[in-house]
N, C-alpha and C. Protein backbone atom coordinates (compact mmCIF):
# COMPACT_ATOMS: atom_id res chain seq x y z
N MET A 1 -2.39 26.74 9.95
CA MET A 1 -2.55 26.46 8.53
C MET A 1 -1.91 25.12 8.16
N GLU A 2 -0.74 24.85 8.76
CA GLU A 2 -0.05 23.60 8.46
C GLU A 2 -0.87 22.39 8.92
N LYS A 3 -1.52 22.52 10.07
CA LYS A 3 -2.33 21.41 10.59
C LYS A 3 -3.52 21.13 9.68
N ILE A 4 -4.11 22.17 9.12
CA ILE A 4 -5.24 21.97 8.22
C ILE A 4 -4.80 21.22 6.98
N ILE A 5 -3.64 21.56 6.44
CA ILE A 5 -3.13 20.88 5.25
C ILE A 5 -2.83 19.41 5.57
N LEU A 6 -2.22 19.14 6.72
CA LEU A 6 -1.90 17.77 7.09
C LEU A 6 -3.16 16.94 7.34
N ILE A 7 -4.15 17.52 7.97
CA ILE A 7 -5.39 16.80 8.22
C ILE A 7 -6.13 16.54 6.91
N THR A 8 -6.10 17.51 6.00
CA THR A 8 -6.70 17.30 4.67
C THR A 8 -5.98 16.19 3.92
N ALA A 9 -4.66 16.18 4.01
CA ALA A 9 -3.88 15.12 3.37
C ALA A 9 -4.24 13.75 3.95
N LEU A 10 -4.42 13.68 5.27
CA LEU A 10 -4.83 12.42 5.90
C LEU A 10 -6.19 11.97 5.39
N GLY A 11 -7.11 12.90 5.23
CA GLY A 11 -8.43 12.56 4.70
C GLY A 11 -8.37 12.05 3.28
N LEU A 12 -7.57 12.70 2.45
CA LEU A 12 -7.43 12.25 1.06
C LEU A 12 -6.76 10.88 0.98
N LEU A 13 -5.76 10.66 1.83
CA LEU A 13 -5.11 9.36 1.85
C LEU A 13 -6.05 8.27 2.36
N ALA A 14 -6.92 8.61 3.30
CA ALA A 14 -7.91 7.64 3.78
C ALA A 14 -8.87 7.26 2.65
N ALA A 15 -9.28 8.24 1.85
CA ALA A 15 -10.13 7.94 0.69
C ALA A 15 -9.37 7.07 -0.31
N GLY A 16 -8.10 7.37 -0.52
CA GLY A 16 -7.29 6.55 -1.41
C GLY A 16 -7.14 5.12 -0.91
N THR A 17 -7.05 4.97 0.40
CA THR A 17 -6.98 3.63 0.99
C THR A 17 -8.25 2.85 0.71
N PHE A 18 -9.39 3.53 0.79
CA PHE A 18 -10.67 2.88 0.50
C PHE A 18 -10.70 2.36 -0.94
N PHE A 19 -10.27 3.19 -1.88
CA PHE A 19 -10.29 2.77 -3.29
C PHE A 19 -9.26 1.67 -3.56
N ALA A 20 -8.12 1.72 -2.90
CA ALA A 20 -7.13 0.65 -3.04
C ALA A 20 -7.66 -0.65 -2.45
N LEU A 21 -8.43 -0.55 -1.36
CA LEU A 21 -9.04 -1.74 -0.78
C LEU A 21 -10.07 -2.34 -1.73
N LEU A 22 -10.84 -1.48 -2.39
CA LEU A 22 -11.78 -1.98 -3.39
C LEU A 22 -11.06 -2.73 -4.51
N ARG A 23 -9.93 -2.18 -4.96
CA ARG A 23 -9.16 -2.83 -6.02
C ARG A 23 -8.61 -4.17 -5.53
N ALA A 24 -8.18 -4.21 -4.27
CA ALA A 24 -7.63 -5.45 -3.73
C ALA A 24 -8.71 -6.51 -3.58
N ILE A 25 -9.93 -6.11 -3.31
CA ILE A 25 -11.01 -7.08 -3.14
C ILE A 25 -11.59 -7.51 -4.48
N ARG A 26 -11.85 -6.56 -5.37
CA ARG A 26 -12.56 -6.85 -6.61
C ARG A 26 -11.68 -7.40 -7.71
N GLY A 27 -10.41 -7.11 -7.69
CA GLY A 27 -9.53 -7.65 -8.72
C GLY A 27 -9.59 -6.87 -10.02
N PRO A 28 -9.83 -7.47 -11.13
CA PRO A 28 -10.30 -8.82 -11.40
C PRO A 28 -9.19 -9.88 -11.43
N ARG A 29 -7.94 -9.45 -11.64
CA ARG A 29 -6.85 -10.43 -11.69
C ARG A 29 -6.09 -10.42 -10.37
N VAL A 30 -5.29 -11.45 -10.18
CA VAL A 30 -4.48 -11.54 -8.96
C VAL A 30 -3.46 -10.41 -8.92
N ALA A 31 -2.93 -10.05 -10.07
CA ALA A 31 -1.95 -8.95 -10.12
C ALA A 31 -2.58 -7.64 -9.66
N ASP A 32 -3.85 -7.41 -10.02
CA ASP A 32 -4.54 -6.20 -9.55
C ASP A 32 -4.69 -6.22 -8.04
N ARG A 33 -4.95 -7.37 -7.49
CA ARG A 33 -5.09 -7.49 -6.04
C ARG A 33 -3.76 -7.21 -5.33
N ILE A 34 -2.67 -7.70 -5.91
CA ILE A 34 -1.35 -7.46 -5.32
C ILE A 34 -1.01 -5.98 -5.37
N VAL A 35 -1.33 -5.31 -6.48
CA VAL A 35 -1.08 -3.87 -6.59
C VAL A 35 -1.92 -3.11 -5.58
N GLY A 36 -3.17 -3.54 -5.38
CA GLY A 36 -4.02 -2.90 -4.37
C GLY A 36 -3.45 -3.02 -2.97
N ILE A 37 -2.94 -4.21 -2.65
CA ILE A 37 -2.33 -4.42 -1.34
C ILE A 37 -1.07 -3.56 -1.19
N ASN A 38 -0.29 -3.45 -2.26
CA ASN A 38 0.90 -2.61 -2.24
C ASN A 38 0.53 -1.14 -2.02
N MET A 39 -0.54 -0.69 -2.67
CA MET A 39 -0.98 0.69 -2.50
C MET A 39 -1.44 0.97 -1.07
N ILE A 40 -2.13 0.00 -0.47
CA ILE A 40 -2.56 0.17 0.91
C ILE A 40 -1.35 0.32 1.83
N GLY A 41 -0.33 -0.48 1.60
CA GLY A 41 0.89 -0.38 2.41
C GLY A 41 1.59 0.96 2.23
N THR A 42 1.65 1.44 0.99
CA THR A 42 2.30 2.71 0.71
C THR A 42 1.53 3.88 1.32
N ILE A 43 0.21 3.85 1.17
CA ILE A 43 -0.61 4.92 1.73
C ILE A 43 -0.55 4.91 3.26
N SER A 44 -0.55 3.72 3.85
CA SER A 44 -0.46 3.63 5.31
C SER A 44 0.87 4.19 5.81
N THR A 45 1.93 3.93 5.09
CA THR A 45 3.24 4.48 5.45
C THR A 45 3.21 6.01 5.41
N ALA A 46 2.61 6.56 4.36
CA ALA A 46 2.51 8.02 4.26
C ALA A 46 1.65 8.59 5.38
N MET A 47 0.57 7.90 5.72
CA MET A 47 -0.30 8.39 6.79
C MET A 47 0.42 8.38 8.14
N ILE A 48 1.20 7.35 8.40
CA ILE A 48 1.96 7.30 9.66
C ILE A 48 3.00 8.42 9.70
N ALA A 49 3.64 8.70 8.56
CA ALA A 49 4.63 9.78 8.51
C ALA A 49 3.97 11.14 8.75
N ILE A 50 2.78 11.34 8.17
CA ILE A 50 2.06 12.60 8.39
C ILE A 50 1.65 12.73 9.85
N LEU A 51 1.20 11.62 10.44
CA LEU A 51 0.85 11.65 11.86
C LEU A 51 2.06 11.97 12.73
N ALA A 52 3.24 11.50 12.32
CA ALA A 52 4.45 11.80 13.08
C ALA A 52 4.71 13.30 13.09
N VAL A 53 4.51 13.94 11.95
CA VAL A 53 4.70 15.40 11.88
C VAL A 53 3.60 16.12 12.65
N LEU A 54 2.37 15.66 12.47
CA LEU A 54 1.22 16.31 13.10
C LEU A 54 1.27 16.24 14.62
N LEU A 55 1.67 15.07 15.15
CA LEU A 55 1.71 14.87 16.59
C LEU A 55 3.07 15.18 17.21
N ASP A 56 4.05 15.49 16.37
CA ASP A 56 5.42 15.78 16.80
C ASP A 56 6.00 14.62 17.60
N GLU A 57 5.83 13.43 17.05
CA GLU A 57 6.36 12.20 17.65
C GLU A 57 7.36 11.57 16.68
N ASN A 58 8.63 11.66 16.99
CA ASN A 58 9.67 11.16 16.08
C ASN A 58 9.68 9.64 15.98
N TRP A 59 9.25 8.95 17.02
CA TRP A 59 9.28 7.49 16.99
C TRP A 59 8.31 6.94 15.95
N LEU A 60 7.30 7.72 15.57
CA LEU A 60 6.38 7.25 14.54
C LEU A 60 7.06 7.14 13.17
N LEU A 61 8.10 7.92 12.96
CA LEU A 61 8.85 7.78 11.71
C LEU A 61 9.57 6.44 11.65
N ASP A 62 10.07 5.97 12.79
CA ASP A 62 10.68 4.64 12.84
C ASP A 62 9.64 3.56 12.56
N VAL A 63 8.47 3.72 13.13
CA VAL A 63 7.37 2.78 12.87
C VAL A 63 7.02 2.78 11.40
N SER A 64 6.99 3.96 10.80
CA SER A 64 6.68 4.09 9.38
C SER A 64 7.70 3.36 8.51
N LEU A 65 8.97 3.49 8.83
CA LEU A 65 10.01 2.80 8.06
C LEU A 65 9.91 1.29 8.20
N ILE A 66 9.68 0.81 9.40
CA ILE A 66 9.56 -0.63 9.62
C ILE A 66 8.33 -1.16 8.89
N TYR A 67 7.22 -0.43 8.97
CA TYR A 67 6.00 -0.84 8.29
C TYR A 67 6.22 -0.89 6.77
N CYS A 68 6.97 0.06 6.26
CA CYS A 68 7.27 0.09 4.82
C CYS A 68 8.08 -1.14 4.41
N MET A 69 9.06 -1.52 5.21
CA MET A 69 9.86 -2.70 4.89
C MET A 69 9.03 -3.98 4.96
N ILE A 70 8.17 -4.08 5.97
CA ILE A 70 7.31 -5.26 6.09
C ILE A 70 6.34 -5.33 4.93
N SER A 71 5.78 -4.19 4.53
CA SER A 71 4.85 -4.15 3.41
C SER A 71 5.55 -4.56 2.11
N PHE A 72 6.76 -4.08 1.92
CA PHE A 72 7.52 -4.45 0.73
C PHE A 72 7.78 -5.96 0.70
N LEU A 73 8.20 -6.53 1.82
CA LEU A 73 8.45 -7.96 1.86
C LEU A 73 7.18 -8.77 1.62
N ALA A 74 6.05 -8.29 2.13
CA ALA A 74 4.78 -8.99 1.91
C ALA A 74 4.42 -9.00 0.43
N VAL A 75 4.62 -7.90 -0.26
CA VAL A 75 4.31 -7.85 -1.69
C VAL A 75 5.27 -8.73 -2.48
N VAL A 76 6.52 -8.77 -2.09
CA VAL A 76 7.48 -9.65 -2.77
C VAL A 76 7.08 -11.11 -2.60
N VAL A 77 6.69 -11.49 -1.39
CA VAL A 77 6.27 -12.87 -1.13
C VAL A 77 5.00 -13.20 -1.92
N LEU A 78 4.03 -12.29 -1.90
CA LEU A 78 2.79 -12.54 -2.66
C LEU A 78 3.07 -12.65 -4.16
N SER A 79 3.97 -11.83 -4.67
CA SER A 79 4.32 -11.91 -6.09
C SER A 79 5.02 -13.22 -6.41
N LYS A 80 5.89 -13.64 -5.52
CA LYS A 80 6.60 -14.90 -5.71
C LYS A 80 5.61 -16.08 -5.72
N ILE A 81 4.66 -16.06 -4.80
CA ILE A 81 3.64 -17.11 -4.76
C ILE A 81 2.81 -17.08 -6.03
N HIS A 82 2.44 -15.90 -6.47
CA HIS A 82 1.64 -15.78 -7.69
C HIS A 82 2.39 -16.31 -8.90
N ILE A 83 3.66 -15.97 -9.02
CA ILE A 83 4.44 -16.42 -10.17
C ILE A 83 4.63 -17.93 -10.12
N SER A 84 4.90 -18.48 -8.95
CA SER A 84 5.12 -19.92 -8.87
C SER A 84 3.82 -20.70 -9.06
N THR A 85 2.68 -20.10 -8.72
CA THR A 85 1.40 -20.79 -8.89
C THR A 85 0.86 -20.69 -10.30
N TYR A 86 0.89 -19.49 -10.87
CA TYR A 86 0.27 -19.26 -12.16
C TYR A 86 1.26 -19.15 -13.31
N GLY A 87 2.53 -19.28 -13.06
CA GLY A 87 3.51 -19.16 -14.12
C GLY A 87 3.72 -17.72 -14.50
N ARG A 88 4.00 -17.48 -15.77
CA ARG A 88 4.28 -16.13 -16.23
C ARG A 88 3.02 -15.33 -16.51
N GLY A 89 1.87 -15.93 -16.48
CA GLY A 89 0.63 -15.17 -16.66
C GLY A 89 -0.05 -15.46 -17.98
N GLU A 90 -0.87 -14.53 -18.39
CA GLU A 90 -1.71 -14.71 -19.57
C GLU A 90 -0.94 -14.48 -20.87
N ASP A 91 0.22 -13.87 -20.82
CA ASP A 91 0.97 -13.57 -22.04
C ASP A 91 1.43 -14.83 -22.76
N GLU A 92 1.67 -15.90 -22.05
CA GLU A 92 2.12 -17.14 -22.67
C GLU A 92 1.04 -17.75 -23.55
N HIS A 93 -0.22 -17.57 -23.21
CA HIS A 93 -1.29 -18.20 -23.94
C HIS A 93 -1.58 -17.50 -25.27
N HIS A 94 -1.13 -16.27 -25.45
CA HIS A 94 -1.41 -15.53 -26.67
C HIS A 94 -0.35 -15.71 -27.73
N GLU A 95 0.76 -16.35 -27.40
CA GLU A 95 1.85 -16.50 -28.36
C GLU A 95 1.65 -17.71 -29.23
């Protein structure tokens, strides 16, 4: 029963990854793309953790943690580039 739940969770997370990828590609704003990339990293981390439980491989949890840190740093760098390139965003133009 536990394996069925974990496999179902993997399937749902895979579907979520697809929709996050669509958001990362279609945008419409750069901030939406960054959030999509962040969601892909978060979902991938969860999928690796579920695989660690499903396959009974403890080293996959270490991989999951490292992947999570790399994903976080990538989003921070992308946000920094976005802020330095576009400034504070569209809110400045409405004031």
